[in-house]
PDB file of N, CA and C in Angstrom:
ATOM      1  N   UNK A   1       1.099  17.757   3.368  1.00  0.00           N
ATOM      2  CA  UNK A   1       0.125  17.568   2.299  1.00  0.00           C
ATOM      3  C   UNK A   1       0.819  17.482   0.942  1.00  0.00           C
ATOM      4  N   UNK A   2       0.168  16.810   0.020  1.00  0.00           N
ATOM      5  CA  UNK A   2       0.713  16.708  -1.324  1.00  0.00           C
ATOM      6  C   UNK A   2       0.449  15.354  -1.934  1.00  0.00           C
ATOM      7  N   UNK A   3       1.135  15.113  -3.050  1.00  0.00           N
ATOM      8  CA  UNK A   3       1.019  13.846  -3.761  1.00  0.00           C
ATOM      9  C   UNK A   3       2.203  12.968  -3.383  1.00  0.00           C
ATOM     10  N   UNK A   4       1.918  11.699  -3.129  1.00  0.00           N
ATOM     11  CA  UNK A   4       2.925  10.753  -2.676  1.00  0.00           C
ATOM     12  C   UNK A   4       2.810   9.451  -3.456  1.00  0.00           C
ATOM     13  N   UNK A   5       3.882   8.680  -3.408  1.00  0.00           N
ATOM     14  CA  UNK A   5       3.877   7.319  -3.912  1.00  0.00           C
ATOM     15  C   UNK A   5       4.376   6.425  -2.783  1.00  0.00           C
ATOM     16  N   UNK A   6       3.706   5.322  -2.569  1.00  0.00           N
ATOM     17  CA  UNK A   6       4.155   4.350  -1.577  1.00  0.00           C
ATOM     18  C   UNK A   6       4.513   3.068  -2.311  1.00  0.00           C
ATOM     19  N   UNK A   7       5.677   2.512  -1.988  1.00  0.00           N
ATOM     20  CA  UNK A   7       6.134   1.261  -2.571  1.00  0.00           C
ATOM     21  C   UNK A   7       6.136   0.186  -1.500  1.00  0.00           C
ATOM     22  N   UNK A   8       5.405  -0.869  -1.759  1.00  0.00           N
ATOM     23  CA  UNK A   8       5.429  -2.052  -0.907  1.00  0.00           C
ATOM     24  C   UNK A   8       6.410  -3.024  -1.563  1.00  0.00           C
ATOM     25  N   UNK A   9       7.457  -3.405  -0.864  1.00  0.00           N
ATOM     26  CA  UNK A   9       8.439  -4.330  -1.409  1.00  0.00           C
ATOM     27  C   UNK A   9       8.041  -5.728  -0.932  1.00  0.00           C
ATOM     28  N   UNK A  10       7.508  -6.513  -1.877  1.00  0.00           N
ATOM     29  CA  UNK A  10       6.888  -7.796  -1.565  1.00  0.00           C
ATOM     30  C   UNK A  10       7.511  -8.928  -2.371  1.00  0.00           C
ATOM     31  N   UNK A  11       7.268 -10.141  -1.886  1.00  0.00           N
ATOM     32  CA  UNK A  11       7.742 -11.326  -2.589  1.00  0.00           C
ATOM     33  C   UNK A  11       6.655 -12.393  -2.522  1.00  0.00           C
ATOM     34  N   UNK A  12       6.494 -13.116  -3.616  1.00  0.00           N
ATOM     35  CA  UNK A  12       5.600 -14.271  -3.667  1.00  0.00           C
ATOM     36  C   UNK A  12       6.450 -15.497  -3.976  1.00  0.00           C
ATOM     37  N   UNK A  13       5.968 -16.641  -3.565  1.00  0.00           N
ATOM     38  CA  UNK A  13       6.700 -17.880  -3.832  1.00  0.00           C
ATOM     39  C   UNK A  13       5.986 -18.682  -4.915  1.00  0.00           C
ATOM     40  N   UNK A  14       6.591 -19.778  -5.309  1.00  0.00           N
ATOM     41  CA  UNK A  14       5.971 -20.624  -6.332  1.00  0.00           C
ATOM     42  C   UNK A  14       4.696 -21.273  -5.816  1.00  0.00           C
ATOM     43  N   UNK A  15       4.513 -21.278  -4.504  1.00  0.00           N
ATOM     44  CA  UNK A  15       3.298 -21.863  -3.921  1.00  0.00           C
ATOM     45  C   UNK A  15       2.256 -20.810  -3.544  1.00  0.00           C
ATOM     46  N   UNK A  16       2.547 -19.525  -3.814  1.00  0.00           N
ATOM     47  CA  UNK A  16       1.600 -18.457  -3.468  1.00  0.00           C
ATOM     48  C   UNK A  16       0.311 -18.611  -4.270  1.00  0.00           C
ATOM     49  N   UNK A  17      -0.778 -18.592  -3.569  1.00  0.00           N
ATOM     50  CA  UNK A  17      -2.113 -18.643  -4.163  1.00  0.00           C
ATOM     51  C   UNK A  17      -2.936 -17.522  -3.550  1.00  0.00           C
ATOM     52  N   UNK A  18      -4.035 -17.153  -4.200  1.00  0.00           N
ATOM     53  CA  UNK A  18      -4.948 -16.187  -3.616  1.00  0.00           C
ATOM     54  C   UNK A  18      -4.563 -14.752  -3.886  1.00  0.00           C
ATOM     55  N   UNK A  19      -4.934 -13.870  -2.962  1.00  0.00           N
ATOM     56  CA  UNK A  19      -4.749 -12.436  -3.175  1.00  0.00           C
ATOM     57  C   UNK A  19      -4.516 -11.707  -1.855  1.00  0.00           C
ATOM     58  N   UNK A  20      -4.097 -10.477  -2.005  1.00  0.00           N
ATOM     59  CA  UNK A  20      -3.810  -9.581  -0.883  1.00  0.00           C
ATOM     60  C   UNK A  20      -4.192  -8.176  -1.330  1.00  0.00           C
ATOM     61  N   UNK A  21      -4.867  -7.422  -0.474  1.00  0.00           N
ATOM     62  CA  UNK A  21      -5.176  -6.032  -0.807  1.00  0.00           C
ATOM     63  C   UNK A  21      -4.198  -5.122  -0.073  1.00  0.00           C
ATOM     64  N   UNK A  22      -3.493  -4.275  -0.829  1.00  0.00           N
ATOM     65  CA  UNK A  22      -2.625  -3.255  -0.254  1.00  0.00           C
ATOM     66  C   UNK A  22      -3.449  -1.999  -0.052  1.00  0.00           C
ATOM     67  N   UNK A  23      -3.206  -1.314   1.059  1.00  0.00           N
ATOM     68  CA  UNK A  23      -4.056  -0.181   1.404  1.00  0.00           C
ATOM     69  C   UNK A  23      -3.246   0.908   2.095  1.00  0.00           C
ATOM     70  N   UNK A  24      -3.564   2.154   1.758  1.00  0.00           N
ATOM     71  CA  UNK A  24      -3.048   3.331   2.456  1.00  0.00           C
ATOM     72  C   UNK A  24      -4.266   4.041   3.019  1.00  0.00           C
ATOM     73  N   UNK A  25      -4.249   4.300   4.330  1.00  0.00           N
ATOM     74  CA  UNK A  25      -5.385   5.016   4.898  1.00  0.00           C
ATOM     75  C   UNK A  25      -4.930   6.057   5.903  1.00  0.00           C
ATOM     76  N   UNK A  26      -5.830   6.989   6.150  1.00  0.00           N
ATOM     77  CA  UNK A  26      -5.626   8.066   7.119  1.00  0.00           C
ATOM     78  C   UNK A  26      -6.400   7.665   8.369  1.00  0.00           C
ATOM     79  N   UNK A  27      -5.738   6.949   9.262  1.00  0.00           N
ATOM     80  CA  UNK A  27      -6.403   6.374  10.424  1.00  0.00           C
ATOM     81  C   UNK A  27      -6.746   7.456  11.440  1.00  0.00           C
ATOM     82  N   UNK A  28      -8.030   7.799  11.527  1.00  0.00           N
ATOM     83  CA  UNK A  28      -8.504   8.775  12.507  1.00  0.00           C
ATOM     84  C   UNK A  28      -8.964   8.069  13.773  1.00  0.00           C
ATOM     85  N   UNK A  29      -9.834   7.086  13.590  1.00  0.00           N
ATOM     86  CA  UNK A  29     -10.311   6.259  14.697  1.00  0.00           C
ATOM     87  C   UNK A  29     -10.943   5.017  14.086  1.00  0.00           C
ATOM     88  N   UNK A  30     -11.377   4.107  14.918  1.00  0.00           N
ATOM     89  CA  UNK A  30     -11.857   2.811  14.420  1.00  0.00           C
ATOM     90  C   UNK A  30     -13.112   2.915  13.551  1.00  0.00           C
ATOM     91  N   UNK A  31     -13.849   4.018  13.626  1.00  0.00           N
ATOM     92  CA  UNK A  31     -15.068   4.155  12.829  1.00  0.00           C
ATOM     93  C   UNK A  31     -14.897   5.077  11.632  1.00  0.00           C
ATOM     94  N   UNK A  32     -13.747   5.760  11.521  1.00  0.00           N
ATOM     95  CA  UNK A  32     -13.516   6.707  10.429  1.00  0.00           C
ATOM     96  C   UNK A  32     -12.132   6.454   9.842  1.00  0.00           C
ATOM     97  N   UNK A  33     -12.062   5.606   8.813  1.00  0.00           N
ATOM     98  CA  UNK A  33     -10.775   5.260   8.218  1.00  0.00           C
ATOM     99  C   UNK A  33     -10.827   5.548   6.718  1.00  0.00           C
ATOM    100  N   UNK A  34     -10.574   6.808   6.313  1.00  0.00           N
ATOM    101  CA  UNK A  34     -10.589   7.127   4.881  1.00  0.00           C
ATOM    102  C   UNK A  34      -9.468   6.401   4.138  1.00  0.00           C
ATOM    103  N   UNK A  35      -9.829   5.659   3.098  1.00  0.00           N
ATOM    104  CA  UNK A  35      -8.849   4.946   2.287  1.00  0.00           C
ATOM    105  C   UNK A  35      -8.331   5.898   1.214  1.00  0.00           C
ATOM    106  N   UNK A  36      -7.021   6.106   1.202  1.00  0.00           N
ATOM    107  CA  UNK A  36      -6.392   7.026   0.255  1.00  0.00           C
ATOM    108  C   UNK A  36      -5.963   6.318  -1.029  1.00  0.00           C
ATOM    109  N   UNK A  37      -5.637   5.029  -0.934  1.00  0.00           N
ATOM    110  CA  UNK A  37      -5.253   4.233  -2.106  1.00  0.00           C
ATOM    111  C   UNK A  37      -5.379   2.764  -1.746  1.00  0.00           C
ATOM    112  N   UNK A  38      -5.708   1.939  -2.752  1.00  0.00           N
ATOM    113  CA  UNK A  38      -5.775   0.498  -2.522  1.00  0.00           C
ATOM    114  C   UNK A  38      -5.609  -0.232  -3.842  1.00  0.00           C
ATOM    115  N   UNK A  39      -5.121  -1.462  -3.734  1.00  0.00           N
ATOM    116  CA  UNK A  39      -4.950  -2.298  -4.915  1.00  0.00           C
ATOM    117  C   UNK A  39      -4.912  -3.752  -4.477  1.00  0.00           C
ATOM    118  N   UNK A  40      -5.629  -4.602  -5.199  1.00  0.00           N
ATOM    119  CA  UNK A  40      -5.581  -6.038  -4.938  1.00  0.00           C
ATOM    120  C   UNK A  40      -4.506  -6.660  -5.813  1.00  0.00           C
ATOM    121  N   UNK A  41      -3.685  -7.520  -5.218  1.00  0.00           N
ATOM    122  CA  UNK A  41      -2.613  -8.171  -5.958  1.00  0.00           C
ATOM    123  C   UNK A  41      -2.727  -9.687  -5.803  1.00  0.00           C
ATOM    124  N   UNK A  42      -2.109 -10.387  -6.736  1.00  0.00           N
ATOM    125  CA  UNK A  42      -2.048 -11.849  -6.701  1.00  0.00           C
ATOM    126  C   UNK A  42      -0.682 -12.253  -7.252  1.00  0.00           C
ATOM    127  N   UNK A  43      -0.451 -13.547  -7.381  1.00  0.00           N
ATOM    128  CA  UNK A  43       0.835 -14.026  -7.888  1.00  0.00           C
ATOM    129  C   UNK A  43       1.139 -13.436  -9.271  1.00  0.00           C
ATOM    130  N   UNK A  44       0.115 -13.114 -10.050  1.00  0.00           N
ATOM    131  CA  UNK A  44       0.302 -12.531 -11.371  1.00  0.00           C
ATOM    132  C   UNK A  44       0.978 -11.164 -11.366  1.00  0.00           C
ATOM    133  N   UNK A  45       1.001 -10.467 -10.219  1.00  0.00           N
ATOM    134  CA  UNK A  45       1.666  -9.169 -10.116  1.00  0.00           C
ATOM    135  C   UNK A  45       3.182  -9.301  -9.975  1.00  0.00           C
ATOM    136  N   UNK A  46       3.665 -10.515  -9.817  1.00  0.00           N
ATOM    137  CA  UNK A  46       5.086 -10.750  -9.592  1.00  0.00           C
ATOM    138  C   UNK A  46       5.693 -11.367 -10.853  1.00  0.00           C
ATOM    139  N   UNK A  47       6.557 -10.603 -11.533  1.00  0.00           N
ATOM    140  CA  UNK A  47       7.155 -11.091 -12.770  1.00  0.00           C
ATOM    141  C   UNK A  47       8.266 -12.098 -12.502  1.00  0.00           C
ATOM    142  N   UNK A  48       8.879 -12.012 -11.329  1.00  0.00           N
ATOM    143  CA  UNK A  48       9.952 -12.931 -10.956  1.00  0.00           C
ATOM    144  C   UNK A  48       9.604 -13.544  -9.601  1.00  0.00           C
ATOM    145  N   UNK A  49       9.052 -14.733  -9.619  1.00  0.00           N
ATOM    146  CA  UNK A  49       8.658 -15.416  -8.395  1.00  0.00           C
ATOM    147  C   UNK A  49       9.889 -15.642  -7.517  1.00  0.00           C
ATOM    148  N   UNK A  50       9.745 -15.355  -6.230  1.00  0.00           N
ATOM    149  CA  UNK A  50      10.846 -15.526  -5.285  1.00  0.00           C
ATOM    150  C   UNK A  50      11.776 -14.337  -5.191  1.00  0.00           C
ATOM    151  N   UNK A  51      11.505 -13.272  -5.974  1.00  0.00           N
ATOM    152  CA  UNK A  51      12.337 -12.060  -5.941  1.00  0.00           C
ATOM    153  C   UNK A  51      11.520 -10.902  -5.370  1.00  0.00           C
ATOM    154  N   UNK A  52      12.195  -9.993  -4.670  1.00  0.00           N
ATOM    155  CA  UNK A  52      11.508  -8.822  -4.121  1.00  0.00           C
ATOM    156  C   UNK A  52      11.001  -7.957  -5.272  1.00  0.00           C
ATOM    157  N   UNK A  53       9.750  -7.521  -5.159  1.00  0.00           N
ATOM    158  CA  UNK A  53       9.079  -6.768  -6.218  1.00  0.00           C
ATOM    159  C   UNK A  53       8.492  -5.486  -5.635  1.00  0.00           C
ATOM    160  N   UNK A  54       8.685  -4.381  -6.337  1.00  0.00           N
ATOM    161  CA  UNK A  54       8.167  -3.072  -5.931  1.00  0.00           C
ATOM    162  C   UNK A  54       6.759  -2.908  -6.499  1.00  0.00           C
ATOM    163  N   UNK A  55       5.763  -2.843  -5.623  1.00  0.00           N
ATOM    164  CA  UNK A  55       4.383  -2.591  -6.041  1.00  0.00           C
ATOM    165  C   UNK A  55       3.990  -1.241  -5.462  1.00  0.00           C
ATOM    166  N   UNK A  56       3.738  -0.266  -6.343  1.00  0.00           N
ATOM    167  CA  UNK A  56       3.536   1.118  -5.919  1.00  0.00           C
ATOM    168  C   UNK A  56       2.098   1.586  -6.078  1.00  0.00           C
ATOM    169  N   UNK A  57       1.697   2.462  -5.170  1.00  0.00           N
ATOM    170  CA  UNK A  57       0.392   3.126  -5.215  1.00  0.00           C
ATOM    171  C   UNK A  57       0.629   4.618  -5.020  1.00  0.00           C
ATOM    172  N   UNK A  58      -0.091   5.447  -5.760  1.00  0.00           N
ATOM    173  CA  UNK A  58      -0.032   6.895  -5.570  1.00  0.00           C
ATOM    174  C   UNK A  58      -1.231   7.335  -4.758  1.00  0.00           C
ATOM    175  N   UNK A  59      -1.024   8.368  -3.935  1.00  0.00           N
ATOM    176  CA  UNK A  59      -2.129   8.919  -3.154  1.00  0.00           C
ATOM    177  C   UNK A  59      -1.895  10.398  -2.886  1.00  0.00           C
ATOM    178  N   UNK A  60      -2.981  11.091  -2.557  1.00  0.00           N
ATOM    179  CA  UNK A  60      -2.946  12.516  -2.218  1.00  0.00           C
ATOM    180  C   UNK A  60      -3.317  12.664  -0.761  1.00  0.00           C
ATOM    181  N   UNK A  61      -2.535  13.450  -0.049  1.00  0.00           N
ATOM    182  CA  UNK A  61      -2.780  13.737   1.366  1.00  0.00           C
ATOM    183  C   UNK A  61      -3.174  15.205   1.485  1.00  0.00           C
ATOM    184  N   UNK A  62      -4.388  15.456   1.967  1.00  0.00           N
ATOM    185  CA  UNK A  62      -4.867  16.836   2.108  1.00  0.00           C
ATOM    186  C   UNK A  62      -4.256  17.483   3.355  1.00  0.00           C
ATOM    187  N   UNK A  63      -4.298  18.824   3.447  1.00  0.00           N
ATOM    188  CA  UNK A  63      -3.804  19.476   4.665  1.00  0.00           C
ATOM    189  C   UNK A  63      -4.518  18.962   5.921  1.00  0.00           C
ATOM    190  N   UNK A  64      -5.816  18.723   5.833  1.00  0.00           N
ATOM    191  CA  UNK A  64      -6.564  18.228   6.993  1.00  0.00           C
ATOM    192  C   UNK A  64      -6.091  16.833   7.394  1.00  0.00           C
ATOM    193  N   UNK A  65      -5.869  15.967   6.415  1.00  0.00           N
ATOM    194  CA  UNK A  65      -5.405  14.611   6.716  1.00  0.00           C
ATOM    195  C   UNK A  65      -3.993  14.617   7.283  1.00  0.00           C
ATOM    196  N   UNK A  66      -3.152  15.522   6.812  1.00  0.00           N
ATOM    197  CA  UNK A  66      -1.770  15.543   7.277  1.00  0.00           C
ATOM    198  C   UNK A  66      -1.657  16.003   8.724  1.00  0.00           C
ATOM    199  N   UNK A  67      -2.667  16.707   9.222  1.00  0.00           N
ATOM    200  CA  UNK A  67      -2.645  17.172  10.611  1.00  0.00           C
ATOM    201  C   UNK A  67      -2.621  16.019  11.608  1.00  0.00           C
ATOM    202  N   UNK A  68      -3.284  14.921  11.289  1.00  0.00           N
ATOM    203  CA  UNK A  68      -3.346  13.796  12.224  1.00  0.00           C
ATOM    204  C   UNK A  68      -2.002  13.084  12.332  1.00  0.00           C
ATOM    205  N   UNK A  69      -1.253  13.034  11.227  1.00  0.00           N
ATOM    206  CA  UNK A  69       0.015  12.318  11.236  1.00  0.00           C
ATOM    207  C   UNK A  69      -0.133  10.822  11.429  1.00  0.00           C
ATOM    208  N   UNK A  70      -1.310  10.278  11.142  1.00  0.00           N
ATOM    209  CA  UNK A  70      -1.584   8.868  11.403  1.00  0.00           C
ATOM    210  C   UNK A  70      -1.926   8.119  10.113  1.00  0.00           C
ATOM    211  N   UNK A  71      -0.936   7.882   9.304  1.00  0.00           N
ATOM    212  CA  UNK A  71      -1.142   7.089   8.095  1.00  0.00           C
ATOM    213  C   UNK A  71      -0.841   5.624   8.395  1.00  0.00           C
ATOM    214  N   UNK A  72      -1.588   4.737   7.736  1.00  0.00           N
ATOM    215  CA  UNK A  72      -1.322   3.306   7.823  1.00  0.00           C
ATOM    216  C   UNK A  72      -1.042   2.772   6.429  1.00  0.00           C
ATOM    217  N   UNK A  73      -0.058   1.905   6.332  1.00  0.00           N
ATOM    218  CA  UNK A  73       0.298   1.229   5.091  1.00  0.00           C
ATOM    219  C   UNK A  73       0.193  -0.251   5.420  1.00  0.00           C
ATOM    220  N   UNK A  74      -0.810  -0.928   4.842  1.00  0.00           N
ATOM    221  CA  UNK A  74      -1.047  -2.288   5.302  1.00  0.00           C
ATOM    222  C   UNK A  74      -1.527  -3.219   4.200  1.00  0.00           C
ATOM    223  N   UNK A  75      -1.431  -4.490   4.508  1.00  0.00           N
ATOM    224  CA  UNK A  75      -1.996  -5.537   3.673  1.00  0.00           C
ATOM    225  C   UNK A  75      -3.186  -6.129   4.402  1.00  0.00           C
ATOM    226  N   UNK A  76      -4.332  -6.168   3.738  1.00  0.00           N
ATOM    227  CA  UNK A  76      -5.569  -6.648   4.366  1.00  0.00           C
ATOM    228  C   UNK A  76      -6.270  -7.636   3.436  1.00  0.00           C
ATOM    229  N   UNK A  77      -7.303  -8.259   3.955  1.00  0.00           N
ATOM    230  CA  UNK A  77      -8.133  -9.180   3.158  1.00  0.00           C
ATOM    231  C   UNK A  77      -7.289 -10.243   2.457  1.00  0.00           C
ATOM    232  N   UNK A  78      -6.381 -10.839   3.200  1.00  0.00           N
ATOM    233  CA  UNK A  78      -5.516 -11.875   2.649  1.00  0.00           C
ATOM    234  C   UNK A  78      -6.330 -13.149   2.435  1.00  0.00           C
ATOM    235  N   UNK A  79      -6.220 -13.690   1.239  1.00  0.00           N
ATOM    236  CA  UNK A  79      -6.828 -14.976   0.911  1.00  0.00           C
ATOM    237  C   UNK A  79      -5.693 -15.844   0.389  1.00  0.00           C
ATOM    238  N   UNK A  80      -5.377 -16.916   1.077  1.00  0.00           N
ATOM    239  CA  UNK A  80      -4.282 -17.782   0.646  1.00  0.00           C
ATOM    240  C   UNK A  80      -2.944 -17.258   1.118  1.00  0.00           C
ATOM    241  N   UNK A  81      -1.979 -17.212   0.205  1.00  0.00           N
ATOM    242  CA  UNK A  81      -0.638 -16.764   0.536  1.00  0.00           C
ATOM    243  C   UNK A  81       0.355 -17.840   0.136  1.00  0.00           C
ATOM    244  N   UNK A  82       1.588 -17.781   0.577  1.00  0.00           N
ATOM    245  CA  UNK A  82       2.153 -16.720   1.397  1.00  0.00           C
ATOM    246  C   UNK A  82       2.642 -15.531   0.561  1.00  0.00           C
ATOM    247  N   UNK A  83       2.561 -14.345   1.160  1.00  0.00           N
ATOM    248  CA  UNK A  83       3.143 -13.119   0.630  1.00  0.00           C
ATOM    249  C   UNK A  83       4.132 -12.625   1.683  1.00  0.00           C
ATOM    250  N   UNK A  84       5.311 -12.186   1.282  1.00  0.00           N
ATOM    251  CA  UNK A  84       6.313 -11.678   2.221  1.00  0.00           C
ATOM    252  C   UNK A  84       6.511 -10.189   1.993  1.00  0.00           C
ATOM    253  N   UNK A  85       6.642  -9.420   3.087  1.00  0.00           N
ATOM    254  CA  UNK A  85       6.881  -7.974   3.024  1.00  0.00           C
ATOM    255  C   UNK A  85       8.273  -7.681   3.564  1.00  0.00           C
ATOM    256  N   UNK A  86       9.081  -6.968   2.782  1.00  0.00           N
ATOM    257  CA  UNK A  86      10.412  -6.560   3.220  1.00  0.00           C
ATOM    258  C   UNK A  86      10.335  -5.189   3.886  1.00  0.00           C
ATOM    259  N   UNK A  87       9.825  -4.185   3.147  1.00  0.00           N
ATOM    260  CA  UNK A  87       9.683  -2.845   3.714  1.00  0.00           C
ATOM    261  C   UNK A  87       8.702  -2.024   2.886  1.00  0.00           C
ATOM    262  N   UNK A  88       8.366  -0.842   3.423  1.00  0.00           N
ATOM    263  CA  UNK A  88       7.476   0.120   2.757  1.00  0.00           C
ATOM    264  C   UNK A  88       8.258   1.421   2.617  1.00  0.00           C
ATOM    265  N   UNK A  89       8.236   2.023   1.419  1.00  0.00           N
ATOM    266  CA  UNK A  89       8.937   3.289   1.170  1.00  0.00           C
ATOM    267  C   UNK A  89       7.922   4.322   0.691  1.00  0.00           C
ATOM    268  N   UNK A  90       7.932   5.498   1.306  1.00  0.00           N
ATOM    269  CA  UNK A  90       7.037   6.580   0.912  1.00  0.00           C
ATOM    270  C   UNK A  90       7.869   7.683   0.272  1.00  0.00           C
ATOM    271  N   UNK A  91       7.424   8.134  -0.911  1.00  0.00           N
ATOM    272  CA  UNK A  91       8.135   9.163  -1.655  1.00  0.00           C
ATOM    273  C   UNK A  91       7.209  10.345  -1.906  1.00  0.00           C
ATOM    274  N   UNK A  92       7.687  11.537  -1.553  1.00  0.00           N
ATOM    275  CA  UNK A  92       6.944  12.772  -1.839  1.00  0.00           C
ATOM    276  C   UNK A  92       7.111  13.105  -3.317  1.00  0.00           C
ATOM    277  N   UNK A  93       5.997  13.328  -4.027  1.00  0.00           N
ATOM    278  CA  UNK A  93       6.050  13.614  -5.461  1.00  0.00           C
ATOM    279  C   UNK A  93       5.913  15.100  -5.770  1.00  0.00           C
ATOM    280  N   UNK A  94       4.881  15.743  -5.187  1.00  0.00           N
ATOM    281  CA  UNK A  94       4.651  17.153  -5.483  1.00  0.00           C
ATOM    282  C   UNK A  94       3.573  17.709  -4.551  1.00  0.00           C
ATOM    283  N   UNK A  95       3.448  19.042  -4.516  1.00  0.00           N
ATOM    284  CA  UNK A  95       2.374  19.635  -3.732  1.00  0.00           C
ATOM    285  C   UNK A  95       1.015  19.273  -4.348  1.00  0.00           C
ATOM    286  N   UNK A  96       0.001  19.283  -3.534  1.00  0.00           N
ATOM    287  CA  UNK A  96      -1.368  19.055  -4.065  1.00  0.00           C
ATOM    288  C   UNK A  96      -1.763  20.227  -4.922  1.00  0.00           C
ATOM    289  N   UNK A  97      -2.488  19.926  -5.978  1.00  0.00           N
ATOM    290  CA  UNK A  97      -3.025  20.981  -6.838  1.00  0.00           C
ATOM    291  C   UNK A  97      -4.488  21.136  -6.486  1.00  0.00           C
ATOM    292  N   UNK A  98      -4.873  22.295  -6.093  1.00  0.00           N
ATOM    293  CA  UNK A  98      -6.259  22.437  -5.696  1.00  0.00           C
ATOM    294  C   UNK A  98      -6.615  23.804  -5.544  1.00  0.00           C
TER     295      UNK A  98
END
């Protein structure tokens, strides 16, 4: 449990159009998927087209959520493209305050 940051290392090309939603969720089952963080991105989020770009989201993981050990880091609701993913990095920031 605690506060985390997830970095999606992505790249867009000069032909990238549309958008992509980045999402962090605590996957319990197909009917219960609490979203911990999300952000919609487009070509405008990339300052250097064709270069790998770090797009980060912060999220809090509660003790109950951490028990499952089933986090998902994904790109959903893609419209257009192409978007390329190199890797995902998760960084522990601090304990939850509560």
